[in-house]
Amino acid sequence: ADKILSNFGMDVLDALSGTCTLWVMGRKPLLHVMADTCVAFSVVTLHAIMLMCQALVLAVVFNSKRNGLLALLIANNFVEIKGAVFKRWDVERIRSLTWMDAVERFHL
């Protein structure tokens, strides 16, 4: 969901930039600029809320005494981790790979 919102947000901001440029040239009315600004604000706010929720979940995973959420994160990334397991890496290297992957997924 993060990558989708990120890409959509970039497209919306590009559209807003183009609309502002056309408004300055006198080719678009102010109403179009205001509409694009509202859409851009909504998308950026939604993306920020989603990133904060991901950070909250990651903080709970790291600070939890139980390993249920960590197991869920690992299970969701099992395909990537499976390739590393069969290369005969030691346990510490696989553990660090798992942590790096979890952090990468949450963009911290």
Protein backbone atom coordinates (compact mmCIF):
# COMPACT_ATOMS: atom_id res chain seq x y z
CA ALA A 1 0.00 0.00 0.00
CA ASP A 2 2.92 2.31 0.72
CA LYS A 3 4.39 2.03 -2.75
CA ILE A 4 0.99 2.52 -4.36
CA LEU A 5 0.30 5.66 -2.34
CA SER A 6 3.83 6.91 -2.94
CA ASN A 7 3.56 6.51 -6.71
CA PHE A 8 0.03 7.93 -6.79
CA GLY A 9 1.18 10.86 -4.63
CA MET A 10 4.02 11.62 -7.01
CA ASP A 11 1.59 11.62 -9.94
CA VAL A 12 -0.82 13.90 -8.08
CA LEU A 13 1.97 16.32 -7.16
CA ASP A 14 3.18 16.32 -10.78
CA ALA A 15 -0.35 17.12 -11.90
CA LEU A 16 -0.55 19.92 -9.33
CA SER A 17 2.74 21.32 -10.59
CA GLY A 18 1.48 21.28 -14.18
CA THR A 19 -1.81 22.88 -13.18
CA CYS A 20 0.01 25.65 -11.29
CA THR A 21 2.25 26.29 -14.28
CA LEU A 22 -0.75 26.51 -16.59
CA TRP A 23 -2.55 28.77 -14.10
CA VAL A 24 0.41 31.17 -14.04
CA MET A 25 0.32 31.25 -17.86
CA GLY A 26 -3.39 32.00 -17.72
CA ARG A 27 -4.56 28.74 -19.34
CA LYS A 28 -6.28 27.18 -16.28
CA PRO A 29 -8.78 28.73 -13.86
CA LEU A 30 -8.04 29.01 -10.15
CA LEU A 31 -10.71 26.40 -9.44
CA HIS A 32 -8.55 23.70 -11.08
CA VAL A 33 -5.57 24.68 -8.93
CA MET A 34 -7.71 24.55 -5.79
CA ALA A 35 -9.15 21.15 -6.73
CA ASP A 36 -5.69 19.69 -7.45
CA THR A 37 -4.40 21.15 -4.18
CA CYS A 38 -7.21 19.48 -2.21
CA VAL A 39 -6.55 16.12 -3.88
CA ALA A 40 -2.79 16.43 -3.27
CA PHE A 41 -3.34 17.37 0.37
CA SER A 42 -5.65 14.38 0.84
CA VAL A 43 -3.23 11.91 -0.73
CA VAL A 44 -0.22 13.23 1.20
CA THR A 45 -2.18 13.14 4.47
CA LEU A 46 -3.40 9.59 3.82
CA HIS A 47 0.15 8.48 3.00
CA ALA A 48 1.50 10.11 6.18
CA ILE A 49 -1.15 8.39 8.31
CA MET A 50 -0.32 5.04 6.72
CA LEU A 51 3.40 5.51 7.38
CA MET A 52 2.70 6.41 11.00
CA CYS A 53 0.62 3.26 11.40
CA GLN A 54 3.44 1.19 9.93
CA ALA A 55 5.92 2.81 12.33
CA LEU A 56 3.57 2.11 15.24
CA VAL A 57 3.26 -1.55 14.28
CA LEU A 58 7.03 -1.84 13.91
CA ALA A 59 7.58 -0.26 17.34
CA VAL A 60 5.10 -2.69 18.88
CA VAL A 61 6.87 -5.61 17.19
CA PHE A 62 10.28 -4.56 18.46
CA ASN A 63 9.08 -3.84 22.00
CA SER A 64 6.73 -6.81 22.41
CA LYS A 65 7.62 -9.56 24.85
CA ARG A 66 5.74 -12.04 22.71
CA ASN A 67 7.00 -12.99 19.29
CA GLY A 68 3.61 -13.28 17.57
CA LEU A 69 3.84 -10.10 15.50
CA LEU A 70 7.47 -10.74 14.65
CA ALA A 71 6.52 -14.22 13.48
CA LEU A 72 3.78 -12.66 11.34
CA LEU A 73 6.25 -10.25 9.73
CA ILE A 74 8.69 -13.09 9.09
CA ALA A 75 5.93 -15.30 7.67
CA ASN A 76 4.88 -12.54 5.28
CA ASN A 77 8.47 -12.25 4.06
CA PHE A 78 9.13 -16.00 3.99
CA VAL A 79 9.72 -16.16 0.25
CA GLU A 80 12.61 -13.70 0.49
CA ILE A 81 14.02 -15.32 3.63
CA LYS A 82 13.70 -18.86 2.24
CA GLY A 83 16.27 -18.12 -0.45
CA ALA A 84 18.71 -16.96 2.22
CA VAL A 85 18.16 -20.03 4.41
CA PHE A 86 19.10 -22.46 1.68
CA LYS A 87 22.40 -20.68 1.06
CA ARG A 88 23.69 -22.02 4.42
CA TRP A 89 24.02 -18.70 6.14
CA ASP A 90 24.55 -18.66 9.87
CA VAL A 91 21.66 -17.80 12.18
CA GLU A 92 22.94 -14.32 13.04
CA ARG A 93 23.18 -13.33 9.40
CA ILE A 94 19.63 -14.52 8.71
CA ARG A 95 18.40 -12.66 11.80
CA SER A 96 20.05 -9.43 10.66
CA LEU A 97 18.60 -9.93 7.16
CA THR A 98 15.14 -10.31 8.69
CA TRP A 99 15.51 -7.13 10.77
CA MET A 100 16.82 -5.16 7.79
CA ASP A 101 13.94 -6.40 5.65
CA ALA A 102 11.39 -5.42 8.30
CA VAL A 103 12.93 -1.97 8.65
CA GLU A 104 13.07 -1.57 4.87
CA ARG A 105 9.40 -2.47 4.55
CA PHE A 106 8.49 0.21 7.08
CA HIS A 107 10.92 2.79 5.63
CA LEU A 108 12.57 3.74 8.92
